[in-house]
Protein backbone atom coordinates (compact mmCIF):
# COMPACT_ATOMS: atom_id res chain seq x y z
CA UNK A 1 33.86 -29.00 51.21
CA UNK A 2 36.96 -27.33 49.83
CA UNK A 3 36.85 -29.63 46.83
CA UNK A 4 33.26 -28.61 46.03
CA UNK A 5 34.18 -24.94 46.39
CA UNK A 6 37.15 -25.39 44.04
CA UNK A 7 34.94 -27.19 41.52
CA UNK A 8 32.37 -24.38 41.69
CA UNK A 9 35.07 -21.78 41.18
CA UNK A 10 36.31 -23.66 38.11
CA UNK A 11 32.81 -23.83 36.64
CA UNK A 12 32.26 -20.11 37.24
CA UNK A 13 35.62 -19.34 35.72
CA UNK A 14 34.81 -21.29 32.55
CA UNK A 15 31.41 -19.61 32.31
CA UNK A 16 33.10 -16.23 32.64
CA UNK A 17 35.54 -17.08 29.84
CA UNK A 18 32.69 -18.20 27.55
CA UNK A 19 30.67 -15.07 28.33
CA UNK A 20 33.67 -12.85 27.71
CA UNK A 21 34.40 -14.51 24.34
CA UNK A 22 30.78 -14.28 23.24
CA UNK A 23 30.42 -10.61 24.15
CA UNK A 24 33.79 -9.83 22.58
CA UNK A 25 32.76 -11.43 19.29
CA UNK A 26 29.56 -9.43 19.36
CA UNK A 27 31.52 -6.23 19.87
CA UNK A 28 33.74 -7.04 16.92
CA UNK A 29 30.74 -7.69 14.73
CA UNK A 30 29.03 -4.54 15.88
CA UNK A 31 32.07 -2.51 14.80
CA UNK A 32 32.02 -4.00 11.24
CA UNK A 33 30.73 -1.17 9.08
CA UNK A 34 27.75 -1.98 6.82
CA UNK A 35 28.26 -1.28 3.12
CA UNK A 36 26.34 1.53 1.43
CA UNK A 37 26.26 1.94 -2.36
CA UNK A 38 24.84 4.59 -4.63
CA UNK A 39 24.08 4.50 -8.38
CA UNK A 40 25.08 8.08 -9.13
CA UNK A 41 24.19 8.27 -12.82
CA UNK A 42 23.35 6.33 -15.99
CA UNK A 43 24.30 7.16 -19.59
CA UNK A 44 22.94 5.62 -22.79
CA UNK A 45 24.18 5.84 -26.39
CA UNK A 46 23.62 4.08 -29.72
CA UNK A 47 26.38 1.84 -31.06
CA UNK A 48 24.56 0.81 -34.22
CA UNK A 49 21.15 1.55 -35.72
CA UNK A 50 19.71 -0.96 -38.16
CA UNK A 51 16.46 -1.14 -40.07
CA UNK A 52 14.61 -3.02 -37.32
CA UNK A 53 17.04 -3.24 -34.36
CA UNK A 54 19.19 -0.80 -32.41
CA UNK A 55 22.32 -1.63 -30.40
CA UNK A 56 22.56 0.44 -27.21
CA UNK A 57 25.42 0.97 -24.77
CA UNK A 58 24.31 1.59 -21.17
CA UNK A 59 26.89 2.90 -18.66
CA UNK A 60 26.08 2.79 -14.92
CA UNK A 61 28.20 4.76 -12.41
CA UNK A 62 28.40 2.97 -9.03
CA UNK A 63 29.83 4.51 -5.85
CA UNK A 64 30.63 2.69 -2.61
CA UNK A 65 30.06 5.31 0.09
CA UNK A 66 30.70 3.31 3.29
CA UNK A 67 31.57 -0.17 4.41
CA UNK A 68 34.60 -2.33 5.06
CA UNK A 69 33.03 -5.66 4.12
CA UNK A 70 34.79 -7.33 1.20
CA UNK A 71 31.90 -9.00 -0.59
CA UNK A 72 31.40 -9.58 -4.30
CA UNK A 73 28.97 -7.29 -6.11
CA UNK A 74 27.01 -7.71 -9.34
CA UNK A 75 24.91 -5.47 -11.58
CA UNK A 76 21.65 -6.63 -13.18
CA UNK A 77 20.35 -4.64 -16.16
CA UNK A 78 16.62 -5.07 -16.87
CA UNK A 79 14.68 -3.65 -19.82
CA UNK A 80 10.90 -3.19 -19.71
CA UNK A 81 8.59 -2.18 -22.56
CA UNK A 82 6.97 1.18 -21.85
CA UNK A 83 3.80 0.13 -23.69
CA UNK A 84 3.18 -3.28 -22.09
CA UNK A 85 5.40 -3.13 -18.98
CA UNK A 86 6.73 -6.60 -19.83
CA UNK A 87 10.35 -7.57 -19.22
CA UNK A 88 12.10 -7.77 -22.60
CA UNK A 89 15.79 -8.32 -21.81
CA UNK A 90 18.02 -8.71 -18.77
CA UNK A 91 21.80 -8.87 -18.55
CA UNK A 92 23.92 -9.57 -15.45
CA UNK A 93 27.60 -8.74 -14.94
CA UNK A 94 29.87 -9.62 -12.00
CA UNK A 95 31.85 -6.68 -10.58
CA UNK A 96 33.84 -8.28 -7.76
CA UNK A 97 34.73 -6.38 -4.57
CA UNK A 98 34.43 -2.58 -4.55
CA UNK A 99 36.59 -0.51 -2.21
CA UNK A 100 35.25 2.17 0.09
CA UNK A 101 35.10 5.52 -1.72
CA UNK A 102 35.53 3.90 -5.14
CA UNK A 103 33.36 4.89 -8.12
CA UNK A 104 33.14 2.37 -10.94
CA UNK A 105 31.73 2.87 -14.47
CA UNK A 106 30.11 -0.31 -15.81
CA UNK A 107 29.15 -0.56 -19.51
CA UNK A 108 26.68 -3.11 -20.87
CA UNK A 109 25.43 -3.67 -24.43
CA UNK A 110 21.82 -4.27 -25.43
CA UNK A 111 20.18 -5.11 -28.75
CA UNK A 112 16.53 -4.03 -28.84
CA UNK A 113 13.78 -3.89 -31.48
CA UNK A 114 13.15 -0.39 -32.82
CA UNK A 115 9.62 -0.20 -31.46
CA UNK A 116 8.44 2.57 -29.13
CA UNK A 117 10.33 3.11 -25.86
CA UNK A 118 11.81 1.24 -22.91
CA UNK A 119 12.51 1.64 -19.19
CA UNK A 120 16.07 0.48 -18.45
CA UNK A 121 16.74 -0.34 -14.79
CA UNK A 122 20.11 -1.10 -13.14
CA UNK A 123 19.99 -3.11 -9.90
CA UNK A 124 23.14 -3.50 -7.74
CA UNK A 125 23.63 -6.55 -5.50
CA UNK A 126 26.17 -7.30 -2.76
CA UNK A 127 26.07 -11.05 -2.55
CA UNK A 128 22.34 -11.82 -2.67
CA UNK A 129 21.27 -8.51 -1.11
CA UNK A 130 20.00 -5.63 -3.23
CA UNK A 131 21.89 -2.46 -2.34
CA UNK A 132 20.89 0.19 -4.87
CA UNK A 133 19.08 0.79 -8.16
CA UNK A 134 18.71 3.40 -10.88
CA UNK A 135 16.59 3.87 -13.99
CA UNK A 136 16.78 5.60 -17.35
CA UNK A 137 14.11 5.89 -20.07
CA UNK A 138 14.36 5.86 -23.87
CA UNK A 139 11.62 7.02 -26.25
CA UNK A 140 10.65 6.76 -29.93
CA UNK A 141 13.36 4.36 -31.07
CA UNK A 142 11.35 3.70 -34.24
CA UNK A 143 12.17 7.25 -35.40
CA UNK A 144 15.94 6.65 -35.30
CA UNK A 145 17.30 6.65 -38.89
CA UNK A 146 19.15 3.49 -39.87
CA UNK A 147 22.86 3.71 -40.60
CA UNK A 148 23.35 4.46 -44.30
CA UNK A 149 25.44 1.37 -45.00
CA UNK A 150 23.22 -1.05 -43.09
CA UNK A 151 21.12 -2.94 -45.64
CA UNK A 152 21.91 -6.41 -44.25
CA UNK A 153 23.33 -7.68 -47.58
CA UNK A 154 26.82 -9.00 -48.24
CA UNK A 155 28.42 -10.10 -51.52
CA UNK A 156 29.99 -13.35 -50.35
CA UNK A 157 31.36 -14.89 -53.56
CA UNK A 158 31.51 -14.71 -57.38
CA UNK A 159 31.89 -17.48 -59.99
CA UNK A 160 32.72 -17.05 -63.69
CA UNK A 161 32.01 -19.34 -66.65
CA UNK A 162 32.91 -18.97 -70.35
CA UNK A 163 29.72 -19.13 -72.42
CA UNK A 164 30.91 -18.17 -75.89
CA UNK A 165 33.98 -17.01 -77.84
CA UNK A 166 33.57 -15.18 -81.13
CA UNK A 167 35.65 -12.64 -83.08
CA UNK A 168 38.10 -12.12 -80.24
CA UNK A 169 35.30 -11.49 -77.72
CA UNK A 170 34.46 -13.64 -74.70
CA UNK A 171 30.96 -13.96 -73.25
CA UNK A 172 31.25 -14.81 -69.55
CA UNK A 173 28.42 -15.69 -67.19
CA UNK A 174 28.99 -14.29 -63.69
CA UNK A 175 27.19 -15.85 -60.72
CA UNK A 176 26.98 -13.39 -57.80
CA UNK A 177 26.22 -14.80 -54.34
CA UNK A 178 24.28 -12.29 -52.21
CA UNK A 179 23.67 -13.16 -48.53
CA UNK A 180 21.20 -11.45 -46.21
CA UNK A 181 22.87 -11.24 -42.80
CA UNK A 182 20.21 -8.91 -41.42
CA UNK A 183 17.22 -9.71 -39.22
CA UNK A 184 14.41 -9.06 -41.71
CA UNK A 185 13.66 -9.59 -45.39
CA UNK A 186 15.75 -7.18 -47.45
CA UNK A 187 14.44 -4.66 -49.95
CA UNK A 188 14.88 -5.05 -53.70
CA UNK A 189 17.99 -3.02 -54.56
CA UNK A 190 19.38 -1.92 -57.93
CA UNK A 191 22.78 -3.46 -58.59
CA UNK A 192 25.39 -2.45 -61.15
CA UNK A 193 27.80 -5.13 -62.40
CA UNK A 194 30.70 -3.83 -64.48
CA UNK A 195 33.89 -5.35 -65.84
CA UNK A 196 37.06 -3.23 -66.12
CA UNK A 197 40.43 -4.04 -67.69
CA UNK A 198 42.93 -3.96 -64.82
CA UNK A 199 45.94 -2.20 -66.39
CA UNK A 200 44.24 0.50 -68.47
CA UNK A 201 41.13 0.81 -66.30
CA UNK A 202 38.90 0.77 -69.40
CA UNK A 203 35.32 -0.37 -68.98
CA UNK A 204 34.52 -3.44 -71.09
CA UNK A 205 30.86 -3.98 -70.17
CA UNK A 206 28.23 -3.16 -67.55
CA UNK A 207 24.82 -4.58 -66.66
CA UNK A 208 22.07 -3.47 -64.24
CA UNK A 209 20.22 -6.15 -62.24
CA UNK A 210 17.97 -6.31 -59.16
CA UNK A 211 18.86 -8.14 -55.94
CA UNK A 212 15.24 -9.10 -55.27
CA UNK A 213 13.85 -9.49 -51.77
CA UNK A 214 16.02 -11.88 -49.72
CA UNK A 215 14.90 -13.56 -46.50
CA UNK A 216 17.05 -13.38 -43.32
CA UNK A 217 20.05 -15.75 -43.26
CA UNK A 218 19.39 -16.72 -46.90
CA UNK A 219 21.77 -16.60 -49.87
CA UNK A 220 20.66 -16.13 -53.49
CA UNK A 221 22.54 -16.29 -56.79
CA UNK A 222 22.06 -13.55 -59.37
CA UNK A 223 23.58 -14.27 -62.81
CA UNK A 224 24.66 -11.77 -65.47
CA UNK A 225 26.33 -12.11 -68.88
CA UNK A 226 29.38 -9.93 -69.52
CA UNK A 227 31.21 -9.48 -72.83
CA UNK A 228 34.90 -8.52 -73.00
CA UNK A 229 37.91 -8.78 -75.33
CA UNK A 230 39.93 -11.98 -74.97
CA UNK A 231 43.48 -12.17 -73.57
CA UNK A 232 43.19 -9.39 -70.97
CA UNK A 233 42.83 -9.34 -67.19
CA UNK A 234 39.69 -7.88 -65.64
CA UNK A 235 38.19 -6.78 -62.34
CA UNK A 236 34.47 -7.38 -61.96
CA UNK A 237 32.84 -4.84 -59.63
CA UNK A 238 29.41 -5.27 -58.04
CA UNK A 239 27.80 -2.11 -56.63
CA UNK A 240 24.51 -2.28 -54.69
CA UNK A 241 22.59 1.02 -54.70
CA UNK A 242 20.05 2.35 -52.21
CA UNK A 243 18.40 5.20 -54.09
CA UNK A 244 21.37 7.42 -55.08
CA UNK A 245 23.89 5.94 -52.62
CA UNK A 246 26.25 2.99 -53.05
CA UNK A 247 25.73 0.91 -49.91
CA UNK A 248 27.68 -2.28 -50.66
CA UNK A 249 30.62 -3.25 -52.88
CA UNK A 250 32.09 -6.53 -54.03
CA UNK A 251 34.90 -7.44 -56.42
CA UNK A 252 36.12 -10.48 -58.32
CA UNK A 253 38.83 -11.08 -60.93
CA UNK A 254 39.01 -12.72 -64.37
CA UNK A 255 42.56 -13.35 -65.60
CA UNK A 256 42.57 -14.27 -69.28
CA UNK A 257 46.25 -13.24 -69.60
CA UNK A 258 47.93 -13.88 -66.22
CA UNK A 259 51.59 -13.22 -65.50
CA UNK A 260 53.81 -15.93 -63.99
CA UNK A 261 57.28 -15.69 -62.45
CA UNK A 262 60.22 -17.19 -64.31
CA UNK A 263 62.30 -19.70 -62.34
CA UNK A 264 64.95 -17.25 -61.15
CA UNK A 265 62.13 -14.86 -60.02
CA UNK A 266 63.87 -11.90 -61.66
CA UNK A 267 61.27 -11.42 -64.38
CA UNK A 268 57.76 -12.41 -65.39
CA UNK A 269 56.15 -13.64 -68.57
CA UNK A 270 52.58 -13.68 -69.77
CA UNK A 271 50.89 -17.05 -69.82
CA UNK A 272 48.52 -17.51 -72.74
CA UNK A 273 45.14 -18.93 -71.75
CA UNK A 274 43.25 -21.08 -74.27
CA UNK A 275 39.89 -19.56 -73.44
CA UNK A 276 38.05 -21.90 -75.83
CA UNK A 277 38.92 -24.84 -73.59
CA UNK A 278 36.66 -23.35 -70.90
CA UNK A 279 33.70 -22.74 -73.21
CA UNK A 280 30.60 -24.48 -71.87
CA UNK A 281 28.35 -26.36 -74.32
CA UNK A 282 24.87 -27.63 -73.50
CA UNK A 283 24.60 -31.43 -73.77
CA UNK A 284 21.22 -31.43 -75.50
CA UNK A 285 18.53 -29.17 -76.84
CA UNK A 286 15.03 -29.54 -75.51
CA UNK A 287 12.43 -30.39 -78.20
CA UNK A 288 9.38 -28.11 -78.42
CA UNK A 289 6.43 -29.46 -76.45
CA UNK A 290 3.87 -28.38 -79.10
CA UNK A 291 5.42 -30.53 -81.87
CA UNK A 292 5.54 -33.58 -79.62
CA UNK A 293 1.91 -33.12 -78.65
CA UNK A 294 0.70 -32.88 -82.26
CA UNK A 295 2.66 -35.94 -83.37
CA UNK A 296 1.42 -38.10 -80.52
CA UNK A 297 -2.20 -36.96 -81.01
CA UNK A 298 -2.49 -37.93 -84.70
CA UNK A 299 -2.73 -41.79 -84.36
CA UNK A 300 -5.33 -41.53 -81.63
CA UNK A 301 -7.62 -39.29 -83.74
CA UNK A 302 -7.62 -41.70 -86.74
CA UNK A 303 -8.52 -44.70 -84.57
CA UNK A 304 -11.45 -42.84 -82.99
CA UNK A 305 -12.94 -41.84 -86.39
CA UNK A 306 -12.64 -45.39 -87.72
CA UNK A 307 -14.53 -46.78 -84.73
CA UNK A 308 -17.39 -44.26 -85.13
CA UNK A 309 -17.79 -45.06 -88.86
CA UNK A 310 -17.95 -48.80 -88.19
CA UNK A 311 -20.67 -48.31 -85.55
CA UNK A 312 -22.79 -46.18 -87.94
CA UNK A 313 -22.43 -48.74 -90.70
CA UNK A 314 -23.63 -51.54 -88.40
CA UNK A 315 -26.72 -49.54 -87.29
CA UNK A 316 -27.73 -48.68 -90.88
CA UNK A 317 -27.30 -52.30 -91.97
CA UNK A 318 -29.71 -53.55 -89.28
CA UNK A 319 -32.37 -51.02 -90.25
CA UNK A 320 -32.37 -51.96 -93.94
CA UNK A 321 -32.35 -55.77 -93.38
């Protein structure tokens, strides 16, 4: 009987311990303060305005009002078209753990087409739980003027070839490589190509050309002929104009009289370039197509007339027999 009573006491004691532990854990959890966040404000600015796209910088100000929980947070930026309501772009950034009372400024970059307006929404998550959100609107992006220098074109390279040498003058063909790094077909821009003697700064020649319309991510070659005195060094400048404004520059060099260092490197001397050795000569001249056509047509015409005359003679002979 005493043994059963002792066993019962032990069981009750263990149950009491388990109940105490369970209730204690619940109390601890109940004292853990839930986190509260607030998106206080949102700012938006333009980083770059192109012809068809605009780069925006969106800054979201996040405040953690209450809460001791140390959980990772993230911010999701979503962009909706005001006209269609469709989601256009979304960007997510991890923020880590925010401290109680802390306010954090989070900047995110967006590249959007310059069409109409957008609703930009910031959504804050703690773990997988949404905690707060904010929204800002932008209107009439298509009315933003493009940056003056943004035409999408770059002068990537220049090549030079000697075409002719006569009376101390050199005719050089310059190949200019123009790349469209923009997102749409470029306009046709006026381009000035000029060659200037380096030491005196005197202008030797200048030519106006057109870039033509260039497709996105394409490179074209525009060639010009420049004439200059032999045995001088020159800078070739390429200036692309948009109306009355120079919007892109490029430069190359032609050294027909370069300087080289003497062995002891205390002086320099001019190295004479035999420009004629670089003169390009065409391998053949194309014969005129008209001459070739007339010559090849003559034998065929004589044969046809002979055949017709023979047939007529045979018919007349049969009639008179």
